[in-house]
N, C-alpha and C. Protein backbone atom coordinates (compact mmCIF):
# COMPACT_ATOMS: atom_id res chain seq x y z
N MET A 1 47.39 -26.08 -3.64
CA MET A 1 46.50 -27.16 -3.26
C MET A 1 45.49 -26.62 -2.25
N TYR A 2 44.22 -26.95 -2.44
CA TYR A 2 43.16 -26.47 -1.56
C TYR A 2 42.91 -27.47 -0.45
N SER A 3 42.61 -26.93 0.71
CA SER A 3 42.35 -27.78 1.86
C SER A 3 40.88 -27.69 2.25
N LYS A 4 40.30 -28.81 2.59
CA LYS A 4 38.91 -28.83 3.02
C LYS A 4 38.77 -28.41 4.48
N ASN A 5 39.87 -28.29 5.20
CA ASN A 5 39.81 -27.90 6.60
C ASN A 5 39.25 -26.50 6.80
N LYS A 6 39.50 -25.59 5.87
CA LYS A 6 38.98 -24.24 5.98
C LYS A 6 37.47 -24.22 5.94
N ALA A 7 36.87 -25.06 5.13
CA ALA A 7 35.42 -25.13 5.04
C ALA A 7 34.82 -25.65 6.33
N SER A 8 35.49 -26.56 6.99
CA SER A 8 34.94 -27.13 8.22
C SER A 8 34.95 -26.11 9.35
N THR A 9 35.85 -25.14 9.34
CA THR A 9 35.84 -24.13 10.39
C THR A 9 34.67 -23.17 10.22
N ALA A 10 34.13 -23.05 9.01
CA ALA A 10 32.97 -22.19 8.78
C ALA A 10 31.73 -22.76 9.46
N LYS A 11 31.75 -24.04 9.79
CA LYS A 11 30.60 -24.66 10.44
C LYS A 11 30.48 -24.24 11.90
N ASP A 12 31.49 -23.59 12.44
CA ASP A 12 31.44 -23.15 13.83
C ASP A 12 30.33 -22.12 14.04
N LYS A 13 30.04 -21.30 13.02
CA LYS A 13 28.98 -20.31 13.10
C LYS A 13 27.87 -20.71 12.13
N PRO A 14 26.61 -20.52 12.53
CA PRO A 14 25.54 -20.85 11.60
C PRO A 14 25.55 -19.93 10.40
N VAL A 15 25.23 -20.46 9.25
CA VAL A 15 25.19 -19.67 8.04
C VAL A 15 23.90 -18.86 8.01
N TYR A 16 22.84 -19.38 8.61
CA TYR A 16 21.54 -18.71 8.64
C TYR A 16 21.10 -18.48 10.08
N VAL A 17 20.35 -17.41 10.27
CA VAL A 17 19.78 -17.10 11.58
C VAL A 17 18.27 -17.13 11.42
N THR A 18 17.61 -17.93 12.23
CA THR A 18 16.16 -18.10 12.17
C THR A 18 15.55 -17.53 13.44
N LYS A 19 14.51 -16.71 13.26
CA LYS A 19 13.84 -16.10 14.41
C LYS A 19 12.34 -16.31 14.29
N ILE A 20 11.68 -16.44 15.44
CA ILE A 20 10.23 -16.56 15.51
C ILE A 20 9.68 -15.31 16.21
N ASN A 21 8.73 -14.67 15.58
CA ASN A 21 8.05 -13.51 16.18
C ASN A 21 6.85 -14.03 16.96
N LYS A 22 6.96 -14.07 18.28
CA LYS A 22 5.89 -14.62 19.13
C LYS A 22 4.61 -13.79 19.07
N GLU A 23 4.73 -12.53 18.72
CA GLU A 23 3.54 -11.69 18.62
C GLU A 23 2.67 -12.08 17.43
N LEU A 24 3.29 -12.63 16.39
CA LEU A 24 2.55 -13.06 15.21
C LEU A 24 2.21 -14.55 15.23
N CYS A 25 2.97 -15.33 15.96
CA CYS A 25 2.84 -16.78 15.97
C CYS A 25 1.56 -17.23 16.69
N LYS A 26 0.82 -18.16 16.06
CA LYS A 26 -0.39 -18.74 16.67
C LYS A 26 -0.13 -20.13 17.22
N ARG A 27 1.14 -20.56 17.22
CA ARG A 27 1.54 -21.85 17.77
C ARG A 27 0.95 -23.04 17.00
N CYS A 28 0.83 -22.92 15.70
CA CYS A 28 0.26 -24.00 14.90
C CYS A 28 1.23 -25.17 14.74
N GLY A 29 2.54 -24.92 14.80
CA GLY A 29 3.53 -25.98 14.69
C GLY A 29 3.91 -26.36 13.27
N ILE A 30 3.42 -25.62 12.29
CA ILE A 30 3.73 -25.95 10.89
C ILE A 30 5.23 -25.84 10.64
N CYS A 31 5.87 -24.83 11.18
CA CYS A 31 7.32 -24.67 10.97
C CYS A 31 8.09 -25.86 11.54
N VAL A 32 7.64 -26.35 12.68
CA VAL A 32 8.29 -27.50 13.32
C VAL A 32 8.11 -28.74 12.44
N GLN A 33 6.92 -28.93 11.92
CA GLN A 33 6.62 -30.11 11.10
C GLN A 33 7.32 -30.10 9.75
N PHE A 34 7.43 -28.93 9.12
CA PHE A 34 7.96 -28.87 7.77
C PHE A 34 9.47 -28.66 7.70
N CYS A 35 10.13 -28.40 8.80
CA CYS A 35 11.58 -28.20 8.77
C CYS A 35 12.26 -29.55 8.52
N PRO A 36 12.93 -29.68 7.37
CA PRO A 36 13.56 -30.97 7.06
C PRO A 36 14.81 -31.26 7.89
N GLN A 37 15.33 -30.25 8.57
CA GLN A 37 16.56 -30.42 9.34
C GLN A 37 16.32 -30.55 10.85
N GLY A 38 15.10 -30.36 11.30
CA GLY A 38 14.81 -30.47 12.74
C GLY A 38 15.38 -29.32 13.54
N VAL A 39 15.30 -28.13 13.00
CA VAL A 39 15.86 -26.95 13.67
C VAL A 39 15.01 -26.54 14.88
N PHE A 40 13.71 -26.78 14.82
CA PHE A 40 12.78 -26.30 15.85
C PHE A 40 12.34 -27.38 16.82
N ILE A 41 12.00 -26.93 18.02
CA ILE A 41 11.24 -27.72 18.99
C ILE A 41 10.12 -26.80 19.47
N ARG A 42 9.21 -27.34 20.26
CA ARG A 42 8.15 -26.51 20.84
C ARG A 42 8.39 -26.37 22.33
N ASP A 43 8.15 -25.16 22.84
CA ASP A 43 8.32 -24.94 24.27
C ASP A 43 7.07 -25.38 25.03
N GLU A 44 7.06 -25.17 26.33
CA GLU A 44 5.94 -25.63 27.16
C GLU A 44 4.63 -24.94 26.83
N GLU A 45 4.69 -23.79 26.18
CA GLU A 45 3.47 -23.08 25.78
C GLU A 45 3.07 -23.41 24.34
N GLY A 46 3.88 -24.21 23.65
CA GLY A 46 3.57 -24.61 22.29
C GLY A 46 4.21 -23.75 21.22
N TYR A 47 4.97 -22.72 21.63
CA TYR A 47 5.65 -21.87 20.65
C TYR A 47 6.86 -22.61 20.07
N PRO A 48 7.14 -22.40 18.79
CA PRO A 48 8.35 -22.97 18.22
C PRO A 48 9.58 -22.25 18.76
N VAL A 49 10.62 -23.00 19.00
CA VAL A 49 11.88 -22.46 19.50
C VAL A 49 13.00 -22.99 18.60
N VAL A 50 13.91 -22.12 18.23
CA VAL A 50 15.05 -22.54 17.43
C VAL A 50 16.02 -23.26 18.35
N LYS A 51 16.12 -24.55 18.19
CA LYS A 51 16.94 -25.38 19.07
C LYS A 51 18.28 -25.74 18.43
N GLU A 52 18.28 -26.02 17.15
CA GLU A 52 19.47 -26.50 16.44
C GLU A 52 19.80 -25.54 15.29
N GLN A 53 20.11 -24.29 15.59
CA GLN A 53 20.35 -23.27 14.58
C GLN A 53 21.42 -23.69 13.57
N GLU A 54 22.44 -24.39 14.03
CA GLU A 54 23.53 -24.79 13.14
C GLU A 54 23.08 -25.77 12.06
N LYS A 55 21.93 -26.40 12.23
CA LYS A 55 21.42 -27.33 11.24
C LYS A 55 20.67 -26.64 10.10
N CYS A 56 20.32 -25.38 10.27
CA CYS A 56 19.53 -24.66 9.26
C CYS A 56 20.32 -24.52 7.97
N THR A 57 19.68 -24.93 6.87
CA THR A 57 20.30 -24.85 5.55
C THR A 57 19.76 -23.69 4.73
N GLY A 58 18.83 -22.94 5.29
CA GLY A 58 18.25 -21.81 4.57
C GLY A 58 17.27 -22.23 3.49
N CYS A 59 16.63 -23.36 3.63
CA CYS A 59 15.68 -23.85 2.62
C CYS A 59 14.40 -23.02 2.59
N LEU A 60 14.13 -22.31 3.67
CA LEU A 60 12.98 -21.41 3.82
C LEU A 60 11.63 -22.12 3.89
N SER A 61 11.60 -23.42 4.14
CA SER A 61 10.33 -24.13 4.30
C SER A 61 9.51 -23.52 5.43
N CYS A 62 10.14 -23.24 6.54
CA CYS A 62 9.44 -22.65 7.68
C CYS A 62 8.85 -21.29 7.32
N PHE A 63 9.60 -20.50 6.59
CA PHE A 63 9.17 -19.17 6.18
C PHE A 63 7.97 -19.24 5.24
N TYR A 64 8.06 -20.08 4.22
CA TYR A 64 7.00 -20.16 3.21
C TYR A 64 5.72 -20.82 3.72
N TYR A 65 5.83 -21.80 4.61
CA TYR A 65 4.65 -22.49 5.11
C TYR A 65 3.97 -21.78 6.27
N CYS A 66 4.64 -20.84 6.92
CA CYS A 66 4.05 -20.16 8.07
C CYS A 66 2.87 -19.28 7.62
N PRO A 67 1.66 -19.58 8.09
CA PRO A 67 0.50 -18.79 7.67
C PRO A 67 0.43 -17.42 8.34
N ASP A 68 1.25 -17.20 9.35
CA ASP A 68 1.20 -15.96 10.12
C ASP A 68 2.38 -15.03 9.87
N PHE A 69 3.26 -15.39 8.96
CA PHE A 69 4.45 -14.58 8.66
C PHE A 69 5.28 -14.33 9.92
N ALA A 70 5.36 -15.34 10.77
CA ALA A 70 6.04 -15.21 12.05
C ALA A 70 7.48 -15.71 12.03
N VAL A 71 7.94 -16.26 10.90
CA VAL A 71 9.29 -16.81 10.81
C VAL A 71 10.15 -15.92 9.92
N GLU A 72 11.36 -15.68 10.39
CA GLU A 72 12.33 -14.89 9.63
C GLU A 72 13.62 -15.69 9.51
N VAL A 73 14.13 -15.80 8.30
CA VAL A 73 15.39 -16.50 8.06
C VAL A 73 16.30 -15.56 7.30
N LYS A 74 17.48 -15.30 7.85
CA LYS A 74 18.44 -14.41 7.20
C LYS A 74 19.80 -15.08 7.17
N LYS A 75 20.60 -14.67 6.21
CA LYS A 75 21.99 -15.12 6.21
C LYS A 75 22.67 -14.53 7.43
N HIS A 76 23.59 -15.26 7.99
CA HIS A 76 24.25 -14.87 9.24
C HIS A 76 24.95 -13.52 9.14
N ASP A 77 25.54 -13.20 7.99
CA ASP A 77 26.30 -11.97 7.87
C ASP A 77 25.49 -10.80 7.34
N GLU A 78 24.17 -10.96 7.12
CA GLU A 78 23.35 -9.86 6.64
C GLU A 78 23.34 -8.73 7.66
N GLY A 79 23.41 -7.53 7.19
CA GLY A 79 23.34 -6.37 8.08
C GLY A 79 24.69 -5.84 8.48
N LYS A 80 25.75 -6.60 8.26
CA LYS A 80 27.08 -6.13 8.60
C LYS A 80 27.58 -5.20 7.51
N ASN A 81 28.28 -4.17 7.90
CA ASN A 81 28.90 -3.21 6.99
C ASN A 81 27.91 -2.52 6.06
N LYS A 82 26.66 -2.40 6.46
CA LYS A 82 25.70 -1.70 5.64
C LYS A 82 26.00 -0.22 5.54
N LYS A 83 26.67 0.33 6.53
CA LYS A 83 27.01 1.74 6.53
C LYS A 83 27.93 2.08 5.38
N ASP A 84 28.76 1.15 4.97
CA ASP A 84 29.72 1.40 3.92
C ASP A 84 29.18 1.13 2.53
N ASP A 85 28.09 0.40 2.42
CA ASP A 85 27.56 0.05 1.11
C ASP A 85 26.97 1.27 0.42
N GLY A 86 27.34 1.47 -0.84
CA GLY A 86 26.76 2.52 -1.64
C GLY A 86 27.26 3.92 -1.36
N ARG A 87 28.22 4.04 -0.52
CA ARG A 87 28.76 5.38 -0.20
C ARG A 87 29.82 5.78 -1.20
N GLU A 88 29.81 7.03 -1.54
CA GLU A 88 30.88 7.56 -2.38
C GLU A 88 31.97 8.09 -1.48
N LYS A 89 33.20 7.87 -1.89
CA LYS A 89 34.33 8.34 -1.08
C LYS A 89 35.13 9.35 -1.83
């Protein structure tokens, strides 16, 4: 018998990690406006800030609508164990 409790513990860590590159960002706020989950807020300088990372569903709206390519969205576990991938033993 399968338990749904195991799935709920996965919610403790975000499935996706969202980052804003301030060097590329022009503070237009498009990512804030188009995020259906309300992941972003704007700081006192107008830059988007990831406030509710756990709400990110990986829809990539912020990524696709950003005119400056300043948003990055990755799966939480990307980059782990890359040293072992593709190696012959």
